Amino acid sequence: MFRQDDKDKYDLPFDFSKGQRLRPLPPCLAEGWAAHPEHNPLTFLPKGARSGVGEKCNVFFVHPTSFRGLGEDWNVDWRNKRVNAITDTWALRHQASVFVGMGKIFAPRYRQAHLRSFYLDIEDSKKALNLAYEDIKTAFYWFLEREDDGKPIILAGHSQGSYHINRLLKEFFDGTALQRNLRRMS
């Protein structure tokens, strides 16, 4: 799928401060969502799976890292067609699709951090992950303001997505009224 050399996990082309300045995600735009019930609904159901029981919950899914490669920047533009194609054809199809039929699925695009951010324990990695999280946080605010209808909320993610979901849980749910809307799944 990626067809890259694993050396990109440790590739350090330049400092974070020298990277391109990317515009933040505007969640009000349809193209700001990899999956959205109104603009880009996720309908793929895995082979052999049965659809759920309807719209009993809202799902906020944060896809995994699909941005890597030698010499690449620390973060990718959320409009990058190559990276979005990987997200749409792999992560949504093979991961988020498990929630089809359970509820409305919201999966924001974001200025995801390069894969190296999880392998290099340096300040630039933290900066790249923080930049990515800002888009996730903005999209989640948007989601809460417009879509929080009191239904249970499922927060789901994988890899970089689960890293950001963990931050959302701590920031938005720990000890707050929203905590009652979460459902534990095992």
Protein backbone atom coordinates (compact mmCIF):
# COMPACT_ATOMS: atom_id res chain seq x y z
CA MET A 1 0.00 0.00 0.00
CA PHE A 2 2.62 2.55 1.00
CA ARG A 3 5.51 1.17 -1.07
CA GLN A 4 8.04 3.14 0.92
CA ASP A 5 11.35 2.27 2.46
CA ASP A 6 11.15 1.82 6.23
CA LYS A 7 14.04 4.29 6.51
CA ASP A 8 11.43 7.04 6.39
CA LYS A 9 10.59 6.23 10.03
CA TYR A 10 13.90 7.80 11.05
CA ASP A 11 14.41 10.22 8.16
CA LEU A 12 15.07 13.73 9.44
CA PRO A 13 15.04 16.05 6.40
CA PHE A 14 14.80 19.35 8.33
CA ASP A 15 13.57 20.99 11.51
CA PHE A 16 9.84 21.40 12.09
CA SER A 17 10.28 25.20 12.00
CA LYS A 18 11.57 24.99 8.41
CA GLY A 19 8.53 23.05 7.17
CA GLN A 20 5.76 24.47 5.06
CA ARG A 21 3.01 26.44 6.75
CA LEU A 22 -0.19 24.53 6.15
CA ARG A 23 -3.65 26.02 6.42
CA PRO A 24 -5.74 24.52 9.22
CA LEU A 25 -8.73 22.34 8.56
CA PRO A 26 -12.04 24.22 8.26
CA PRO A 27 -14.57 21.57 9.41
CA CYS A 28 -17.44 23.59 7.97
CA LEU A 29 -16.31 22.55 4.47
CA ALA A 30 -17.51 19.25 3.04
CA GLU A 31 -14.01 18.41 1.79
CA GLY A 32 -12.75 18.69 5.38
CA TRP A 33 -14.29 15.29 6.10
CA ALA A 34 -13.14 11.88 4.86
CA ALA A 35 -16.56 10.65 6.02
CA HIS A 36 -19.59 12.75 6.92
CA PRO A 37 -23.25 11.64 6.89
CA GLU A 38 -24.38 14.57 4.74
CA HIS A 39 -21.42 15.25 2.46
CA ASN A 40 -19.57 11.97 2.12
CA PRO A 41 -21.41 9.13 3.87
CA LEU A 42 -19.51 5.94 4.53
CA THR A 43 -21.60 3.10 3.13
CA PHE A 44 -19.12 0.28 2.55
CA LEU A 45 -19.96 -2.78 4.62
CA PRO A 46 -17.24 -5.42 4.96
CA LYS A 47 -17.93 -8.75 3.23
CA GLY A 48 -19.86 -11.09 5.50
CA ALA A 49 -20.80 -8.32 7.92
CA ARG A 50 -24.34 -7.31 8.68
CA SER A 51 -25.50 -3.77 9.04
CA GLY A 52 -26.08 -2.52 12.57
CA VAL A 53 -29.34 -1.52 14.16
CA GLY A 54 -29.68 2.01 12.84
CA GLU A 55 -28.56 5.37 14.08
CA LYS A 56 -28.31 4.71 17.79
CA CYS A 57 -25.06 6.63 18.26
CA ASN A 58 -22.64 9.08 16.70
CA VAL A 59 -19.18 7.86 15.71
CA PHE A 60 -16.17 10.18 15.60
CA PHE A 61 -13.42 8.23 13.83
CA VAL A 62 -9.83 9.45 13.49
CA HIS A 63 -7.95 7.56 10.82
CA PRO A 64 -4.40 6.24 11.21
CA THR A 65 -1.22 7.63 9.72
CA SER A 66 -1.22 7.44 5.95
CA PHE A 67 1.55 10.02 5.50
CA ARG A 68 5.09 8.79 5.14
CA GLY A 69 8.02 8.88 2.73
CA LEU A 70 11.66 9.94 2.62
CA GLY A 71 12.29 13.69 2.61
CA GLU A 72 8.68 14.57 3.40
CA ASP A 73 7.59 17.43 5.65
CA TRP A 74 6.55 16.94 9.28
CA ASN A 75 2.85 17.37 8.49
CA VAL A 76 0.82 16.95 5.33
CA ASP A 77 -1.79 19.28 3.90
CA TRP A 78 -5.26 17.91 4.68
CA ARG A 79 -6.09 18.35 0.97
CA ASN A 80 -3.24 16.11 -0.27
CA LYS A 81 -4.85 13.83 -2.87
CA ARG A 82 -2.32 10.99 -2.59
CA VAL A 83 -2.55 10.75 1.18
CA ASN A 84 -6.34 11.15 1.16
CA ALA A 85 -6.67 8.34 -1.38
CA ILE A 86 -4.82 6.01 1.02
CA THR A 87 -7.06 7.12 3.87
CA ASP A 88 -10.25 6.72 1.85
CA THR A 89 -9.46 3.37 0.25
CA TRP A 90 -7.74 1.73 3.18
CA ALA A 91 -8.52 3.19 6.62
CA LEU A 92 -12.15 4.02 6.00
CA ARG A 93 -12.85 0.84 4.08
CA HIS A 94 -11.06 -1.54 6.45
CA GLN A 95 -11.51 0.17 9.80
CA ALA A 96 -14.26 2.80 10.01
CA SER A 97 -16.65 0.65 7.98
CA VAL A 98 -17.24 -1.56 11.03
CA PHE A 99 -19.49 1.25 12.32
CA VAL A 100 -21.71 1.43 9.20
CA GLY A 101 -25.29 0.97 10.33
CA MET A 102 -24.55 1.74 13.98
CA GLY A 103 -24.80 5.49 13.64
CA LYS A 104 -23.63 8.58 11.84
CA ILE A 105 -19.91 8.41 11.06
CA PHE A 106 -17.75 11.52 11.17
CA ALA A 107 -14.10 11.17 10.12
CA PRO A 108 -12.22 14.46 9.76
CA ARG A 109 -9.30 15.06 7.48
CA TYR A 110 -6.36 16.61 9.30
CA ARG A 111 -2.79 17.81 8.90
CA GLN A 112 -1.54 14.45 10.06
CA ALA A 113 1.95 14.09 11.40
CA HIS A 114 4.49 12.10 9.41
CA LEU A 115 5.05 8.51 10.54
CA ARG A 116 8.50 9.50 11.87
CA SER A 117 6.79 11.45 14.65
CA PHE A 118 6.15 8.15 16.43
CA TYR A 119 9.72 6.87 16.00
CA LEU A 120 11.82 9.94 16.78
CA ASP A 121 11.54 11.06 20.39
CA ILE A 122 12.41 14.70 19.74
CA GLU A 123 10.67 18.04 20.18
CA ASP A 124 9.81 18.32 16.47
CA SER A 125 7.80 15.09 16.71
CA LYS A 126 5.73 16.59 19.51
CA LYS A 127 5.18 19.78 17.50
CA ALA A 128 3.99 17.79 14.48
CA LEU A 129 1.58 15.74 16.60
CA ASN A 130 0.30 18.88 18.34
CA LEU A 131 -0.39 20.51 14.97
CA ALA A 132 -2.32 17.43 13.85
CA TYR A 133 -4.28 17.37 17.11
CA GLU A 134 -5.36 20.99 16.63
CA ASP A 135 -7.31 19.93 13.52
CA ILE A 136 -8.86 16.97 15.35
CA LYS A 137 -9.83 19.20 18.26
CA THR A 138 -11.35 21.81 15.94
CA ALA A 139 -13.33 19.14 14.09
CA PHE A 140 -14.50 17.66 17.38
CA TYR A 141 -15.70 21.06 18.62
CA TRP A 142 -17.62 21.42 15.34
CA PHE A 143 -19.05 17.91 15.78
CA LEU A 144 -20.20 18.65 19.36
CA GLU A 145 -21.77 21.99 18.44
CA ARG A 146 -23.73 20.64 15.48
CA GLU A 147 -24.19 16.92 15.98
CA ASP A 148 -24.41 16.27 19.72
CA ASP A 149 -28.03 15.18 19.96
CA GLY A 150 -27.66 13.35 23.25
CA LYS A 151 -26.98 10.01 21.59
CA PRO A 152 -24.06 7.93 22.83
CA ILE A 153 -20.74 8.85 21.24
CA ILE A 154 -18.22 6.33 20.02
CA LEU A 155 -14.70 7.69 19.70
CA ALA A 156 -12.64 5.40 17.52
CA GLY A 157 -9.20 5.58 15.99
CA HIS A 158 -6.15 3.59 15.09
CA SER A 159 -2.45 4.42 15.27
CA GLN A 160 -2.15 8.21 15.06
CA GLY A 161 -5.93 8.34 15.26
CA SER A 162 -5.98 6.57 18.63
CA TYR A 163 -3.25 8.90 19.88
CA HIS A 164 -5.51 11.88 19.12
CA ILE A 165 -8.62 10.13 20.48
CA ASN A 166 -6.81 9.57 23.76
CA ARG A 167 -6.12 13.31 23.98
CA LEU A 168 -9.78 14.08 23.22
CA LEU A 169 -10.88 11.72 25.99
CA LYS A 170 -8.66 13.47 28.52
CA GLU A 171 -9.53 16.98 27.41
CA PHE A 172 -13.26 16.71 26.70
CA PHE A 173 -14.56 13.80 28.75
CA ASP A 174 -12.59 13.16 31.92
CA GLY A 175 -14.73 14.57 34.70
CA THR A 176 -17.18 16.41 32.39
CA ALA A 177 -20.89 16.07 31.60
CA LEU A 178 -19.98 14.58 28.21
CA GLN A 179 -18.59 11.53 29.96
CA ARG A 180 -22.13 10.12 30.30
CA ASN A 181 -22.45 9.95 26.49
CA LEU A 182 -19.49 7.61 26.09
CA ARG A 183 -20.06 3.88 25.73
CA ARG A 184 -17.41 1.30 26.42
CA MET A 185 -17.06 -1.38 23.78
CA SER A 186 -14.97 -4.50 24.06
